[in-house]
Amino acid sequence: MIFWLVVPGRDSFVSPASPSYKGHRYPVEVIAHAVWLCFRFPLSFREVEELMLERGVIVSCETVRRWSAKFGQAYADGLRRRRPRPGDK
């Protein structure tokens, strides 16, 4: 079974070849949103922790750091690929 993950904030997709979310305590959407915040905006892990807490998700900054290390490259590649280039309309 192949799952496509929608990155929050855009209709972009992360390929099914990205690291597995199996065995994680939080749903894929929570992990995806936290990692997206880290890579889309210049936020620290503690700031992401606070933003997630405002949304009712209790997660430590260390967990956000681990998620960013594990899943971050796929998100960063996806964001870079979809960024408008100079000369694009």
N, C-alpha and C. Protein backbone atom coordinates (compact mmCIF):
# COMPACT_ATOMS: atom_id res chain seq x y z
N MET A 1 0.84 -1.17 0.00
CA MET A 1 0.00 0.00 0.00
C MET A 1 0.89 1.23 0.00
N ILE A 2 0.64 2.19 -0.89
CA ILE A 2 1.43 3.41 -1.01
C ILE A 2 0.60 4.58 -0.50
N PHE A 3 1.20 5.37 0.37
CA PHE A 3 0.55 6.57 0.90
C PHE A 3 1.28 7.79 0.39
N TRP A 4 0.55 8.78 -0.04
CA TRP A 4 1.13 10.07 -0.42
C TRP A 4 0.86 11.03 0.71
N LEU A 5 1.84 11.78 1.10
CA LEU A 5 1.71 12.71 2.20
C LEU A 5 1.63 14.13 1.66
N VAL A 6 0.58 14.83 2.03
CA VAL A 6 0.44 16.23 1.63
C VAL A 6 1.17 17.08 2.66
N VAL A 7 2.10 17.89 2.19
CA VAL A 7 2.84 18.78 3.06
C VAL A 7 1.93 19.95 3.42
N PRO A 8 1.80 20.29 4.70
CA PRO A 8 0.91 21.37 5.09
C PRO A 8 1.25 22.69 4.40
N GLY A 9 0.23 23.44 4.07
CA GLY A 9 0.43 24.75 3.49
C GLY A 9 0.44 24.79 1.99
N ARG A 10 0.60 23.66 1.35
CA ARG A 10 0.62 23.59 -0.11
C ARG A 10 0.08 22.25 -0.54
N ASP A 11 -0.23 22.15 -1.82
CA ASP A 11 -0.67 20.87 -2.37
C ASP A 11 0.51 20.13 -2.95
N SER A 12 1.60 20.07 -2.20
CA SER A 12 2.78 19.36 -2.66
C SER A 12 2.83 18.00 -1.99
N PHE A 13 3.53 17.09 -2.61
CA PHE A 13 3.56 15.73 -2.11
C PHE A 13 4.98 15.29 -1.83
N VAL A 14 5.11 14.43 -0.84
CA VAL A 14 6.37 13.78 -0.53
C VAL A 14 6.26 12.37 -1.08
N SER A 15 7.28 11.93 -1.76
CA SER A 15 7.22 10.63 -2.41
C SER A 15 7.07 9.50 -1.40
N PRO A 16 6.52 8.36 -1.84
CA PRO A 16 6.38 7.23 -0.93
C PRO A 16 7.72 6.63 -0.54
N ALA A 17 8.80 7.08 -1.15
CA ALA A 17 10.12 6.57 -0.80
C ALA A 17 10.69 7.26 0.43
N SER A 18 9.94 8.22 1.00
CA SER A 18 10.41 8.91 2.20
C SER A 18 10.44 7.94 3.38
N PRO A 19 11.14 8.29 4.45
CA PRO A 19 11.27 7.38 5.59
C PRO A 19 9.91 6.95 6.16
N SER A 20 9.88 5.80 6.74
CA SER A 20 8.64 5.23 7.27
C SER A 20 8.22 5.91 8.56
N TYR A 21 6.92 6.11 8.71
CA TYR A 21 6.37 6.69 9.93
C TYR A 21 5.92 5.60 10.90
N LYS A 22 6.12 4.36 10.54
CA LYS A 22 5.68 3.24 11.37
C LYS A 22 6.41 3.26 12.71
N GLY A 23 5.64 3.05 13.77
CA GLY A 23 6.22 2.99 15.10
C GLY A 23 6.30 4.33 15.81
N HIS A 24 5.84 5.39 15.16
CA HIS A 24 5.85 6.70 15.81
C HIS A 24 4.56 6.89 16.59
N ARG A 25 4.66 7.62 17.68
CA ARG A 25 3.54 7.81 18.59
C ARG A 25 2.48 8.76 18.02
N TYR A 26 2.93 9.75 17.26
CA TYR A 26 2.04 10.78 16.74
C TYR A 26 1.61 10.45 15.31
N PRO A 27 0.44 10.95 14.90
CA PRO A 27 -0.01 10.72 13.52
C PRO A 27 0.91 11.42 12.51
N VAL A 28 0.87 10.96 11.30
CA VAL A 28 1.70 11.50 10.23
C VAL A 28 1.46 13.00 10.06
N GLU A 29 0.22 13.44 10.19
CA GLU A 29 -0.11 14.85 9.99
C GLU A 29 0.57 15.74 11.02
N VAL A 30 0.68 15.28 12.26
CA VAL A 30 1.33 16.05 13.32
C VAL A 30 2.83 16.15 13.04
N ILE A 31 3.44 15.04 12.70
CA ILE A 31 4.88 15.02 12.39
C ILE A 31 5.15 15.91 11.19
N ALA A 32 4.32 15.77 10.16
CA ALA A 32 4.50 16.55 8.94
C ALA A 32 4.40 18.05 9.22
N HIS A 33 3.44 18.45 10.04
CA HIS A 33 3.27 19.87 10.31
C HIS A 33 4.45 20.42 11.10
N ALA A 34 4.93 19.69 12.09
CA ALA A 34 6.07 20.15 12.90
C ALA A 34 7.33 20.28 12.04
N VAL A 35 7.60 19.31 11.21
CA VAL A 35 8.79 19.35 10.36
C VAL A 35 8.65 20.45 9.31
N TRP A 36 7.45 20.62 8.78
CA TRP A 36 7.21 21.67 7.79
C TRP A 36 7.47 23.04 8.42
N LEU A 37 7.03 23.26 9.65
CA LEU A 37 7.28 24.53 10.33
C LEU A 37 8.78 24.79 10.46
N CYS A 38 9.54 23.75 10.80
CA CYS A 38 10.99 23.89 10.98
C CYS A 38 11.68 24.29 9.68
N PHE A 39 11.25 23.71 8.58
CA PHE A 39 11.95 23.93 7.32
C PHE A 39 11.38 25.08 6.50
N ARG A 40 10.16 25.46 6.75
CA ARG A 40 9.55 26.54 5.97
C ARG A 40 9.83 27.91 6.56
N PHE A 41 9.91 27.98 7.88
CA PHE A 41 10.11 29.25 8.57
C PHE A 41 11.37 29.16 9.44
N PRO A 42 12.03 30.27 9.69
CA PRO A 42 13.24 30.23 10.53
C PRO A 42 12.87 30.15 12.02
N LEU A 43 12.39 28.99 12.43
CA LEU A 43 11.96 28.78 13.81
C LEU A 43 12.90 27.81 14.52
N SER A 44 13.07 28.01 15.81
CA SER A 44 13.83 27.06 16.60
C SER A 44 12.91 25.88 16.96
N PHE A 45 13.50 24.82 17.46
CA PHE A 45 12.72 23.65 17.85
C PHE A 45 11.80 23.99 19.02
N ARG A 46 12.26 24.87 19.89
CA ARG A 46 11.41 25.29 21.02
C ARG A 46 10.22 26.11 20.54
N GLU A 47 10.42 26.94 19.54
CA GLU A 47 9.31 27.72 19.00
C GLU A 47 8.29 26.81 18.32
N VAL A 48 8.77 25.79 17.63
CA VAL A 48 7.86 24.82 17.02
C VAL A 48 7.10 24.07 18.11
N GLU A 49 7.80 23.73 19.19
CA GLU A 49 7.15 23.07 20.33
C GLU A 49 6.00 23.94 20.86
N GLU A 50 6.24 25.24 21.01
CA GLU A 50 5.21 26.15 21.50
C GLU A 50 4.04 26.27 20.53
N LEU A 51 4.33 26.33 19.23
CA LEU A 51 3.26 26.41 18.23
C LEU A 51 2.41 25.14 18.23
N MET A 52 3.06 24.01 18.40
CA MET A 52 2.31 22.75 18.45
C MET A 52 1.46 22.69 19.72
N LEU A 53 1.98 23.22 20.83
CA LEU A 53 1.24 23.26 22.09
C LEU A 53 -0.02 24.12 21.94
N GLU A 54 0.08 25.22 21.21
CA GLU A 54 -1.09 26.07 20.95
C GLU A 54 -2.16 25.32 20.17
N ARG A 55 -1.75 24.33 19.40
CA ARG A 55 -2.69 23.52 18.64
C ARG A 55 -3.16 22.29 19.42
N GLY A 56 -2.72 22.17 20.66
CA GLY A 56 -3.16 21.07 21.51
C GLY A 56 -2.32 19.81 21.41
N VAL A 57 -1.14 19.92 20.81
CA VAL A 57 -0.24 18.76 20.67
C VAL A 57 0.94 18.96 21.62
N ILE A 58 1.08 18.06 22.58
CA ILE A 58 2.18 18.15 23.54
C ILE A 58 3.34 17.32 22.98
N VAL A 59 4.39 18.04 22.60
CA VAL A 59 5.57 17.40 22.02
C VAL A 59 6.79 18.20 22.49
N SER A 60 7.88 17.52 22.78
CA SER A 60 9.08 18.21 23.26
C SER A 60 9.92 18.72 22.08
N CYS A 61 10.77 19.68 22.39
CA CYS A 61 11.65 20.21 21.34
C CYS A 61 12.63 19.15 20.86
N GLU A 62 13.00 18.22 21.74
CA GLU A 62 13.90 17.14 21.34
C GLU A 62 13.23 16.21 20.34
N THR A 63 11.95 15.97 20.51
CA THR A 63 11.21 15.14 19.56
C THR A 63 11.13 15.84 18.21
N VAL A 64 10.88 17.12 18.21
CA VAL A 64 10.84 17.89 16.96
C VAL A 64 12.19 17.84 16.28
N ARG A 65 13.27 17.92 17.07
CA ARG A 65 14.62 17.83 16.50
C ARG A 65 14.85 16.47 15.84
N ARG A 66 14.43 15.40 16.51
CA ARG A 66 14.59 14.05 15.94
C ARG A 66 13.79 13.89 14.66
N TRP A 67 12.54 14.40 14.67
CA TRP A 67 11.71 14.32 13.46
C TRP A 67 12.36 15.10 12.32
N SER A 68 12.91 16.25 12.64
CA SER A 68 13.54 17.07 11.60
C SER A 68 14.76 16.36 11.02
N ALA A 69 15.52 15.71 11.87
CA ALA A 69 16.69 14.97 11.39
C ALA A 69 16.28 13.79 10.53
N LYS A 70 15.20 13.12 10.89
CA LYS A 70 14.79 11.91 10.17
C LYS A 70 14.00 12.22 8.89
N PHE A 71 13.04 13.14 8.98
CA PHE A 71 12.14 13.40 7.87
C PHE A 71 12.41 14.71 7.15
N GLY A 72 13.29 15.53 7.69
CA GLY A 72 13.48 16.88 7.18
C GLY A 72 13.99 16.99 5.77
N GLN A 73 14.88 16.12 5.36
CA GLN A 73 15.46 16.24 4.03
C GLN A 73 14.41 16.09 2.94
N ALA A 74 13.47 15.18 3.12
CA ALA A 74 12.40 15.00 2.13
C ALA A 74 11.53 16.26 2.04
N TYR A 75 11.23 16.89 3.18
CA TYR A 75 10.43 18.12 3.18
C TYR A 75 11.20 19.27 2.56
N ALA A 76 12.48 19.40 2.92
CA ALA A 76 13.29 20.49 2.38
C ALA A 76 13.42 20.36 0.86
N ASP A 77 13.63 19.15 0.37
CA ASP A 77 13.71 18.93 -1.08
C ASP A 77 12.41 19.30 -1.76
N GLY A 78 11.30 18.91 -1.15
CA GLY A 78 9.99 19.23 -1.73
C GLY A 78 9.71 20.72 -1.75
N LEU A 79 10.08 21.42 -0.69
CA LEU A 79 9.88 22.87 -0.64
C LEU A 79 10.77 23.58 -1.65
N ARG A 80 12.01 23.15 -1.78
CA ARG A 80 12.94 23.77 -2.74
C ARG A 80 12.47 23.54 -4.17
N ARG A 81 11.98 22.35 -4.44
CA ARG A 81 11.55 22.01 -5.79
C ARG A 81 10.36 22.86 -6.23
N ARG A 82 9.50 23.23 -5.28
CA ARG A 82 8.29 23.96 -5.61
C ARG A 82 8.42 25.47 -5.43
N ARG A 83 9.60 25.93 -5.02
CA ARG A 83 9.82 27.36 -4.83
C ARG A 83 9.88 28.04 -6.20
N PRO A 84 9.21 29.18 -6.35
CA PRO A 84 9.27 29.88 -7.65
C PRO A 84 10.69 30.30 -7.98
N ARG A 85 11.05 30.13 -9.21
CA ARG A 85 12.39 30.50 -9.70
C ARG A 85 12.34 31.92 -10.27
N PRO A 86 13.47 32.61 -10.30
CA PRO A 86 13.49 33.93 -10.92
C PRO A 86 13.03 33.83 -12.38
N GLY A 87 12.15 34.70 -12.76
CA GLY A 87 11.62 34.68 -14.13
C GLY A 87 10.33 33.92 -14.26
N ASP A 88 9.92 33.16 -13.23
CA ASP A 88 8.63 32.46 -13.27
C ASP A 88 7.52 33.48 -13.10
N LYS A 89 6.42 33.21 -13.74
CA LYS A 89 5.27 34.11 -13.59
C LYS A 89 4.30 33.60 -12.58
